Amino acid sequence: MTLKPSDGANHQLEWIKSSYSTDDGPSCIEVAPAHDQILVRDSKNPTGPRLALAPATWAAFLPYASTR
């Protein structure tokens, strides 16, 4: 997997989308580091709701997600 910046609506945050996420493919998530949290959103709905996770929570989740 490689990461690339997305063309998200919020230009103050640098949203990162997986290379597995395509415009016509399955939905994916985007993440953006923001001060003391990691923001997560649906790549198909960039203006929709976001999750805000503590960096330690995100780091604990990554090994689980990488096996799915």
N, C-alpha and C. Protein backbone atom coordinates (compact mmCIF):
# COMPACT_ATOMS: atom_id res chain seq x y z
N MET A 1 0.84 -1.17 0.00
CA MET A 1 0.00 0.00 0.00
C MET A 1 0.88 1.23 0.00
N THR A 2 0.56 2.19 -0.82
CA THR A 2 1.23 3.48 -0.80
C THR A 2 0.19 4.53 -0.43
N LEU A 3 0.65 5.64 0.07
CA LEU A 3 -0.26 6.71 0.48
C LEU A 3 -0.09 7.88 -0.45
N LYS A 4 -1.20 8.58 -0.71
CA LYS A 4 -1.16 9.77 -1.54
C LYS A 4 -2.11 10.81 -0.97
N PRO A 5 -1.79 12.09 -1.05
CA PRO A 5 -2.72 13.12 -0.57
C PRO A 5 -4.01 13.08 -1.36
N SER A 6 -5.12 13.33 -0.68
CA SER A 6 -6.42 13.35 -1.36
C SER A 6 -6.76 14.78 -1.77
N ASP A 7 -7.81 14.91 -2.55
CA ASP A 7 -8.29 16.22 -2.95
C ASP A 7 -9.46 16.63 -2.05
N GLY A 8 -9.32 16.50 -0.75
CA GLY A 8 -10.40 16.73 0.20
C GLY A 8 -10.83 18.18 0.26
N ALA A 9 -11.98 18.40 0.90
CA ALA A 9 -12.57 19.72 0.99
C ALA A 9 -11.84 20.62 1.98
N ASN A 10 -11.23 20.06 3.02
CA ASN A 10 -10.55 20.86 4.03
C ASN A 10 -9.09 21.02 3.63
N HIS A 11 -8.70 22.22 3.19
CA HIS A 11 -7.35 22.44 2.69
C HIS A 11 -6.35 22.71 3.81
N GLN A 12 -6.82 22.86 5.04
CA GLN A 12 -5.91 23.09 6.15
C GLN A 12 -5.33 21.78 6.66
N LEU A 13 -6.00 20.67 6.42
CA LEU A 13 -5.52 19.36 6.83
C LEU A 13 -4.98 18.63 5.61
N GLU A 14 -3.95 17.83 5.81
CA GLU A 14 -3.44 17.02 4.71
C GLU A 14 -4.01 15.61 4.87
N TRP A 15 -5.09 15.35 4.13
CA TRP A 15 -5.74 14.04 4.17
C TRP A 15 -4.94 13.06 3.32
N ILE A 16 -4.74 11.87 3.85
CA ILE A 16 -3.98 10.84 3.16
C ILE A 16 -4.91 9.68 2.86
N LYS A 17 -4.94 9.29 1.59
CA LYS A 17 -5.81 8.21 1.14
C LYS A 17 -4.95 7.06 0.65
N SER A 18 -5.35 5.85 0.97
CA SER A 18 -4.64 4.67 0.51
C SER A 18 -4.69 4.57 -1.00
N SER A 19 -3.64 4.02 -1.58
CA SER A 19 -3.64 3.79 -3.03
C SER A 19 -4.65 2.72 -3.42
N TYR A 20 -5.15 1.95 -2.45
CA TYR A 20 -6.20 0.96 -2.72
C TYR A 20 -7.55 1.62 -2.94
N SER A 21 -7.70 2.86 -2.56
CA SER A 21 -8.96 3.58 -2.71
C SER A 21 -8.98 4.27 -4.07
N THR A 22 -9.97 3.94 -4.88
CA THR A 22 -10.11 4.55 -6.20
C THR A 22 -11.45 5.26 -6.30
N ASP A 23 -11.59 6.14 -7.29
CA ASP A 23 -12.83 6.89 -7.46
C ASP A 23 -14.00 5.99 -7.82
N ASP A 24 -13.75 4.91 -8.53
CA ASP A 24 -14.84 4.03 -8.94
C ASP A 24 -14.84 2.69 -8.22
N GLY A 25 -13.96 2.52 -7.24
CA GLY A 25 -13.83 1.26 -6.52
C GLY A 25 -14.54 1.29 -5.18
N PRO A 26 -14.18 0.35 -4.32
CA PRO A 26 -14.81 0.28 -3.00
C PRO A 26 -14.44 1.48 -2.13
N SER A 27 -15.28 1.73 -1.17
CA SER A 27 -15.02 2.83 -0.25
C SER A 27 -13.77 2.55 0.57
N CYS A 28 -13.15 3.61 1.00
CA CYS A 28 -11.94 3.50 1.80
C CYS A 28 -11.95 4.65 2.79
N ILE A 29 -10.96 4.68 3.64
CA ILE A 29 -10.86 5.79 4.58
C ILE A 29 -9.68 6.67 4.23
N GLU A 30 -9.74 7.87 4.76
CA GLU A 30 -8.63 8.82 4.68
C GLU A 30 -8.29 9.21 6.10
N VAL A 31 -7.04 9.52 6.34
CA VAL A 31 -6.61 9.96 7.66
C VAL A 31 -5.84 11.27 7.54
N ALA A 32 -5.90 12.05 8.61
CA ALA A 32 -5.17 13.32 8.65
C ALA A 32 -4.66 13.54 10.07
N PRO A 33 -3.36 13.74 10.23
CA PRO A 33 -2.86 14.08 11.56
C PRO A 33 -3.23 15.53 11.88
N ALA A 34 -3.73 15.75 13.08
CA ALA A 34 -4.13 17.09 13.50
C ALA A 34 -3.76 17.28 14.97
N HIS A 35 -2.72 18.04 15.22
CA HIS A 35 -2.25 18.36 16.57
C HIS A 35 -2.12 17.09 17.42
N ASP A 36 -3.07 16.86 18.33
CA ASP A 36 -2.96 15.73 19.26
C ASP A 36 -3.95 14.61 18.94
N GLN A 37 -4.38 14.52 17.68
CA GLN A 37 -5.34 13.49 17.30
C GLN A 37 -5.15 13.07 15.85
N ILE A 38 -5.70 11.92 15.51
CA ILE A 38 -5.72 11.44 14.14
C ILE A 38 -7.18 11.47 13.70
N LEU A 39 -7.46 12.19 12.62
CA LEU A 39 -8.82 12.27 12.09
C LEU A 39 -9.01 11.21 11.02
N VAL A 40 -10.19 10.60 10.99
CA VAL A 40 -10.51 9.54 10.04
C VAL A 40 -11.85 9.89 9.41
N ARG A 41 -11.94 9.74 8.07
CA ARG A 41 -13.20 10.01 7.37
C ARG A 41 -13.36 9.03 6.22
N ASP A 42 -14.57 8.96 5.70
CA ASP A 42 -14.90 8.14 4.54
C ASP A 42 -14.43 8.87 3.29
N SER A 43 -13.63 8.22 2.46
CA SER A 43 -13.11 8.88 1.26
C SER A 43 -14.20 9.21 0.25
N LYS A 44 -15.33 8.53 0.33
CA LYS A 44 -16.44 8.80 -0.60
C LYS A 44 -17.33 9.93 -0.09
N ASN A 45 -17.12 10.37 1.15
CA ASN A 45 -17.94 11.42 1.75
C ASN A 45 -17.03 12.38 2.52
N PRO A 46 -16.19 13.15 1.82
CA PRO A 46 -15.20 13.98 2.51
C PRO A 46 -15.78 15.09 3.37
N THR A 47 -17.01 15.49 3.16
CA THR A 47 -17.61 16.53 4.00
C THR A 47 -18.47 15.94 5.11
N GLY A 48 -18.51 14.62 5.20
CA GLY A 48 -19.31 13.94 6.21
C GLY A 48 -18.63 13.89 7.56
N PRO A 49 -19.16 13.05 8.44
CA PRO A 49 -18.62 12.96 9.81
C PRO A 49 -17.20 12.41 9.83
N ARG A 50 -16.51 12.73 10.91
CA ARG A 50 -15.13 12.28 11.10
C ARG A 50 -14.99 11.67 12.49
N LEU A 51 -14.08 10.74 12.59
CA LEU A 51 -13.69 10.21 13.89
C LEU A 51 -12.41 10.91 14.31
N ALA A 52 -12.29 11.20 15.59
CA ALA A 52 -11.06 11.77 16.14
C ALA A 52 -10.49 10.77 17.13
N LEU A 53 -9.30 10.27 16.84
CA LEU A 53 -8.67 9.25 17.68
C LEU A 53 -7.37 9.77 18.28
N ALA A 54 -7.08 9.31 19.48
CA ALA A 54 -5.79 9.61 20.09
C ALA A 54 -4.73 8.87 19.29
N PRO A 55 -3.54 9.44 19.13
CA PRO A 55 -2.48 8.75 18.38
C PRO A 55 -2.21 7.33 18.89
N ALA A 56 -2.25 7.11 20.20
CA ALA A 56 -2.01 5.77 20.75
C ALA A 56 -3.12 4.80 20.33
N THR A 57 -4.34 5.27 20.26
CA THR A 57 -5.46 4.43 19.82
C THR A 57 -5.29 4.06 18.36
N TRP A 58 -4.92 5.01 17.53
CA TRP A 58 -4.69 4.76 16.10
C TRP A 58 -3.55 3.76 15.92
N ALA A 59 -2.47 3.95 16.66
CA ALA A 59 -1.33 3.06 16.56
C ALA A 59 -1.69 1.63 16.98
N ALA A 60 -2.55 1.49 17.99
CA ALA A 60 -2.98 0.17 18.43
C ALA A 60 -3.90 -0.48 17.40
N PHE A 61 -4.67 0.31 16.68
CA PHE A 61 -5.61 -0.21 15.68
C PHE A 61 -4.90 -0.68 14.41
N LEU A 62 -3.83 -0.05 14.00
CA LEU A 62 -3.18 -0.36 12.72
C LEU A 62 -2.76 -1.83 12.55
N PRO A 63 -2.15 -2.47 13.53
CA PRO A 63 -1.81 -3.88 13.33
C PRO A 63 -3.04 -4.75 13.09
N TYR A 64 -4.12 -4.46 13.77
CA TYR A 64 -5.38 -5.20 13.57
C TYR A 64 -5.89 -4.98 12.14
N ALA A 65 -5.96 -3.74 11.71
CA ALA A 65 -6.50 -3.41 10.39
C ALA A 65 -5.64 -3.97 9.25
N SER A 66 -4.35 -4.03 9.47
CA SER A 66 -3.46 -4.51 8.39
C SER A 66 -3.61 -6.00 8.11
N THR A 67 -4.26 -6.73 8.99
CA THR A 67 -4.48 -8.16 8.77
C THR A 67 -5.86 -8.46 8.22
N ARG A 68 -6.65 -7.45 7.97
CA ARG A 68 -8.03 -7.66 7.49
C ARG A 68 -8.14 -7.35 6.02
